[in-house]
Amino acid sequence: MKYTVGERVCISIDTMINEDADMDFVDIVTDHDGEETFYMLYNEFGELCCLDGEECTIDHIVNGTTDIYDLANDNGECTVHFMLSEHDLDIAVFR
């Protein structure tokens, strides 16, 4: 395991798109505002869970797995959870 529970990581959705991440547990929605493009990550419940560049916390490793992480984003009005595989985290996390 490369990531530890409680670790804060910044998520690059742009990199996930450009590096062909698997995104088995999330969907990406693209929005345009004039000349800028914005990327939003949605979890399996259809909740907006992360914007490009947001910092999230590794909440826990999903039971029964060694490489699927549950992340928590508390940047909004309420905390929203989403899952990423270790492969997708390797692509998405920038330090």
N, C-alpha and C. Protein backbone atom coordinates (compact mmCIF):
# COMPACT_ATOMS: atom_id res chain seq x y z
N MET A 1 0.84 -1.18 0.00
CA MET A 1 0.00 0.00 0.00
C MET A 1 0.88 1.24 0.00
N LYS A 2 0.63 2.10 -0.93
CA LYS A 2 1.41 3.32 -1.06
C LYS A 2 0.83 4.47 -0.25
N TYR A 3 -0.44 4.38 0.08
CA TYR A 3 -1.14 5.48 0.73
C TYR A 3 -1.59 5.05 2.12
N THR A 4 -1.60 5.99 3.05
CA THR A 4 -1.97 5.67 4.42
C THR A 4 -3.27 6.37 4.80
N VAL A 5 -4.01 5.74 5.67
CA VAL A 5 -5.25 6.32 6.16
C VAL A 5 -4.93 7.64 6.85
N GLY A 6 -5.70 8.67 6.53
CA GLY A 6 -5.48 10.00 7.08
C GLY A 6 -4.62 10.90 6.21
N GLU A 7 -3.96 10.31 5.23
CA GLU A 7 -3.10 11.09 4.33
C GLU A 7 -3.95 12.02 3.48
N ARG A 8 -3.49 13.27 3.32
CA ARG A 8 -4.17 14.25 2.48
C ARG A 8 -3.50 14.24 1.11
N VAL A 9 -4.31 14.15 0.05
CA VAL A 9 -3.79 14.11 -1.32
C VAL A 9 -4.57 15.08 -2.20
N CYS A 10 -3.89 15.68 -3.15
CA CYS A 10 -4.54 16.54 -4.15
C CYS A 10 -4.84 15.70 -5.38
N ILE A 11 -6.05 15.83 -5.88
CA ILE A 11 -6.52 15.01 -7.00
C ILE A 11 -6.53 15.83 -8.29
N SER A 12 -5.83 15.34 -9.31
CA SER A 12 -5.83 15.98 -10.62
C SER A 12 -6.73 15.17 -11.56
N ILE A 13 -7.94 15.67 -11.76
CA ILE A 13 -8.87 15.01 -12.67
C ILE A 13 -8.37 15.12 -14.10
N ASP A 14 -7.77 16.25 -14.42
CA ASP A 14 -7.19 16.47 -15.74
C ASP A 14 -6.18 15.37 -16.07
N THR A 15 -5.32 15.04 -15.12
CA THR A 15 -4.34 13.98 -15.33
C THR A 15 -5.03 12.63 -15.49
N MET A 16 -6.10 12.39 -14.73
CA MET A 16 -6.83 11.12 -14.86
C MET A 16 -7.35 10.96 -16.29
N ILE A 17 -7.82 12.04 -16.86
CA ILE A 17 -8.32 11.99 -18.25
C ILE A 17 -7.17 11.74 -19.22
N ASN A 18 -6.11 12.52 -19.09
CA ASN A 18 -5.00 12.45 -20.03
C ASN A 18 -4.19 11.16 -19.93
N GLU A 19 -4.18 10.53 -18.76
CA GLU A 19 -3.41 9.30 -18.55
C GLU A 19 -4.27 8.05 -18.64
N ASP A 20 -5.52 8.19 -19.07
CA ASP A 20 -6.43 7.05 -19.26
C ASP A 20 -6.61 6.20 -18.00
N ALA A 21 -6.95 6.86 -16.88
CA ALA A 21 -7.25 6.14 -15.65
C ALA A 21 -8.48 5.25 -15.88
N ASP A 22 -8.57 4.17 -15.11
CA ASP A 22 -9.68 3.23 -15.26
C ASP A 22 -11.02 3.82 -14.84
N MET A 23 -11.03 4.54 -13.73
CA MET A 23 -12.22 5.21 -13.20
C MET A 23 -13.40 4.26 -13.06
N ASP A 24 -13.17 3.13 -12.42
CA ASP A 24 -14.22 2.13 -12.24
C ASP A 24 -15.32 2.59 -11.29
N PHE A 25 -15.00 3.50 -10.37
CA PHE A 25 -15.96 3.88 -9.33
C PHE A 25 -16.44 5.32 -9.44
N VAL A 26 -15.97 6.05 -10.42
CA VAL A 26 -16.31 7.47 -10.55
C VAL A 26 -16.59 7.82 -12.02
N ASP A 27 -17.27 8.94 -12.21
CA ASP A 27 -17.51 9.49 -13.54
C ASP A 27 -16.99 10.92 -13.57
N ILE A 28 -16.53 11.34 -14.73
CA ILE A 28 -16.04 12.70 -14.89
C ILE A 28 -17.02 13.48 -15.76
N VAL A 29 -17.33 14.68 -15.31
CA VAL A 29 -18.17 15.60 -16.08
C VAL A 29 -17.33 16.82 -16.40
N THR A 30 -17.41 17.27 -17.63
CA THR A 30 -16.67 18.43 -18.09
C THR A 30 -17.62 19.59 -18.29
N ASP A 31 -17.20 20.78 -17.84
CA ASP A 31 -18.01 21.98 -18.01
C ASP A 31 -17.11 23.08 -18.57
N HIS A 32 -17.70 23.96 -19.32
CA HIS A 32 -16.95 25.06 -19.93
C HIS A 32 -17.53 26.38 -19.48
N ASP A 33 -16.65 27.30 -19.13
CA ASP A 33 -17.06 28.64 -18.72
C ASP A 33 -16.23 29.63 -19.53
N GLY A 34 -16.75 30.01 -20.66
CA GLY A 34 -15.96 30.86 -21.55
C GLY A 34 -14.82 30.07 -22.15
N GLU A 35 -13.59 30.49 -21.82
CA GLU A 35 -12.42 29.82 -22.38
C GLU A 35 -11.87 28.72 -21.48
N GLU A 36 -12.34 28.64 -20.23
CA GLU A 36 -11.81 27.65 -19.29
C GLU A 36 -12.65 26.38 -19.29
N THR A 37 -11.98 25.26 -19.04
CA THR A 37 -12.64 23.98 -18.91
C THR A 37 -12.50 23.52 -17.46
N PHE A 38 -13.60 23.03 -16.89
CA PHE A 38 -13.61 22.55 -15.52
C PHE A 38 -13.97 21.07 -15.51
N TYR A 39 -13.30 20.32 -14.63
CA TYR A 39 -13.58 18.89 -14.49
C TYR A 39 -14.14 18.61 -13.11
N MET A 40 -15.18 17.80 -13.07
CA MET A 40 -15.82 17.43 -11.82
C MET A 40 -15.94 15.92 -11.74
N LEU A 41 -15.66 15.37 -10.58
CA LEU A 41 -15.72 13.94 -10.35
C LEU A 41 -16.99 13.63 -9.58
N TYR A 42 -17.73 12.62 -10.06
CA TYR A 42 -18.97 12.19 -9.39
C TYR A 42 -18.80 10.76 -8.92
N ASN A 43 -19.31 10.46 -7.72
CA ASN A 43 -19.20 9.10 -7.19
C ASN A 43 -20.31 8.21 -7.75
N GLU A 44 -20.35 6.97 -7.28
CA GLU A 44 -21.32 5.99 -7.80
C GLU A 44 -22.76 6.32 -7.42
N PHE A 45 -22.96 7.28 -6.50
CA PHE A 45 -24.31 7.70 -6.12
C PHE A 45 -24.75 8.96 -6.86
N GLY A 46 -23.91 9.45 -7.78
CA GLY A 46 -24.22 10.64 -8.54
C GLY A 46 -23.95 11.93 -7.79
N GLU A 47 -23.19 11.84 -6.70
CA GLU A 47 -22.86 13.03 -5.91
C GLU A 47 -21.57 13.66 -6.43
N LEU A 48 -21.55 14.97 -6.52
CA LEU A 48 -20.32 15.68 -6.85
C LEU A 48 -19.35 15.44 -5.70
N CYS A 49 -18.22 14.82 -6.01
CA CYS A 49 -17.31 14.44 -4.92
C CYS A 49 -15.96 15.12 -4.97
N CYS A 50 -15.57 15.70 -6.11
CA CYS A 50 -14.25 16.33 -6.17
C CYS A 50 -14.15 17.20 -7.41
N LEU A 51 -13.55 18.36 -7.23
CA LEU A 51 -13.21 19.23 -8.34
C LEU A 51 -11.72 19.07 -8.63
N ASP A 52 -11.32 19.39 -9.83
CA ASP A 52 -9.92 19.26 -10.22
C ASP A 52 -9.04 20.08 -9.28
N GLY A 53 -8.05 19.42 -8.68
CA GLY A 53 -7.10 20.09 -7.82
C GLY A 53 -7.47 20.12 -6.35
N GLU A 54 -8.61 19.58 -5.97
CA GLU A 54 -9.01 19.61 -4.57
C GLU A 54 -8.21 18.62 -3.74
N GLU A 55 -8.05 18.96 -2.47
CA GLU A 55 -7.37 18.09 -1.53
C GLU A 55 -8.40 17.23 -0.81
N CYS A 56 -8.14 15.93 -0.77
CA CYS A 56 -9.03 14.97 -0.14
C CYS A 56 -8.23 14.13 0.85
N THR A 57 -8.93 13.40 1.71
CA THR A 57 -8.29 12.57 2.72
C THR A 57 -8.53 11.09 2.41
N ILE A 58 -7.48 10.28 2.53
CA ILE A 58 -7.65 8.83 2.43
C ILE A 58 -8.38 8.42 3.71
N ASP A 59 -9.65 8.06 3.58
CA ASP A 59 -10.47 7.74 4.76
C ASP A 59 -10.22 6.31 5.24
N HIS A 60 -10.23 5.36 4.32
CA HIS A 60 -9.95 3.97 4.68
C HIS A 60 -9.73 3.15 3.42
N ILE A 61 -9.20 1.95 3.63
CA ILE A 61 -9.06 0.98 2.55
C ILE A 61 -10.33 0.15 2.57
N VAL A 62 -10.94 -0.04 1.42
CA VAL A 62 -12.21 -0.75 1.34
C VAL A 62 -12.03 -2.19 1.83
N ASN A 63 -12.93 -2.63 2.71
CA ASN A 63 -12.86 -3.98 3.29
C ASN A 63 -12.76 -5.05 2.21
N GLY A 64 -11.88 -6.00 2.45
CA GLY A 64 -11.73 -7.12 1.53
C GLY A 64 -10.81 -6.83 0.37
N THR A 65 -10.22 -5.63 0.34
CA THR A 65 -9.31 -5.28 -0.75
C THR A 65 -8.00 -4.77 -0.17
N THR A 66 -7.01 -4.67 -1.03
CA THR A 66 -5.74 -4.06 -0.62
C THR A 66 -5.40 -2.86 -1.49
N ASP A 67 -6.24 -2.61 -2.50
CA ASP A 67 -5.86 -1.55 -3.45
C ASP A 67 -7.03 -0.66 -3.87
N ILE A 68 -8.11 -0.63 -3.08
CA ILE A 68 -9.21 0.29 -3.36
C ILE A 68 -9.38 1.18 -2.13
N TYR A 69 -9.30 2.47 -2.36
CA TYR A 69 -9.30 3.44 -1.29
C TYR A 69 -10.60 4.25 -1.30
N ASP A 70 -11.11 4.50 -0.11
CA ASP A 70 -12.25 5.40 0.07
C ASP A 70 -11.68 6.76 0.47
N LEU A 71 -11.97 7.76 -0.33
CA LEU A 71 -11.49 9.11 -0.05
C LEU A 71 -12.65 9.97 0.43
N ALA A 72 -12.35 10.93 1.28
CA ALA A 72 -13.34 11.86 1.79
C ALA A 72 -12.95 13.27 1.37
N ASN A 73 -13.92 13.98 0.83
CA ASN A 73 -13.71 15.39 0.46
C ASN A 73 -14.61 16.22 1.37
N ASP A 74 -13.98 17.04 2.21
CA ASP A 74 -14.74 17.87 3.13
C ASP A 74 -14.63 19.36 2.78
N ASN A 75 -14.39 19.65 1.51
CA ASN A 75 -14.27 21.03 1.06
C ASN A 75 -15.62 21.71 0.83
N GLY A 76 -16.70 20.95 0.78
CA GLY A 76 -18.02 21.52 0.54
C GLY A 76 -18.83 21.65 1.81
N GLU A 77 -20.14 21.75 1.64
CA GLU A 77 -21.03 21.89 2.79
C GLU A 77 -21.08 20.62 3.64
N CYS A 78 -20.89 19.47 3.00
CA CYS A 78 -20.85 18.21 3.73
C CYS A 78 -19.74 17.33 3.15
N THR A 79 -19.33 16.35 3.92
CA THR A 79 -18.28 15.44 3.47
C THR A 79 -18.87 14.44 2.48
N VAL A 80 -18.17 14.26 1.36
CA VAL A 80 -18.61 13.32 0.34
C VAL A 80 -17.49 12.30 0.13
N HIS A 81 -17.88 11.03 0.02
CA HIS A 81 -16.92 9.94 -0.16
C HIS A 81 -16.94 9.44 -1.60
N PHE A 82 -15.78 8.97 -2.03
CA PHE A 82 -15.67 8.32 -3.33
C PHE A 82 -14.51 7.34 -3.29
N MET A 83 -14.54 6.38 -4.19
CA MET A 83 -13.51 5.35 -4.21
C MET A 83 -12.64 5.48 -5.46
N LEU A 84 -11.37 5.19 -5.27
CA LEU A 84 -10.43 5.10 -6.38
C LEU A 84 -9.53 3.90 -6.14
N SER A 85 -9.16 3.25 -7.23
CA SER A 85 -8.19 2.17 -7.12
C SER A 85 -6.80 2.77 -6.89
N GLU A 86 -5.88 1.96 -6.41
CA GLU A 86 -4.51 2.44 -6.22
C GLU A 86 -3.92 2.89 -7.56
N HIS A 87 -4.26 2.18 -8.62
CA HIS A 87 -3.80 2.55 -9.96
C HIS A 87 -4.27 3.97 -10.31
N ASP A 88 -5.55 4.24 -10.08
CA ASP A 88 -6.07 5.58 -10.39
C ASP A 88 -5.50 6.65 -9.46
N LEU A 89 -5.28 6.30 -8.20
CA LEU A 89 -4.66 7.26 -7.28
C LEU A 89 -3.24 7.60 -7.74
N ASP A 90 -2.50 6.59 -8.19
CA ASP A 90 -1.14 6.83 -8.70
C ASP A 90 -1.16 7.85 -9.83
N ILE A 91 -2.18 7.79 -10.65
CA ILE A 91 -2.30 8.74 -11.76
C ILE A 91 -2.78 10.10 -11.26
N ALA A 92 -3.75 10.10 -10.36
CA ALA A 92 -4.44 11.34 -9.99
C ALA A 92 -3.69 12.21 -8.98
N VAL A 93 -2.94 11.59 -8.07
CA VAL A 93 -2.32 12.36 -6.99
C VAL A 93 -1.13 13.13 -7.50
N PHE A 94 -1.14 14.43 -7.18
CA PHE A 94 0.06 15.22 -7.45
C PHE A 94 0.55 15.81 -6.15
N ARG A 95 1.83 15.89 -6.05
CA ARG A 95 2.45 16.34 -4.79
C ARG A 95 3.20 17.62 -5.00
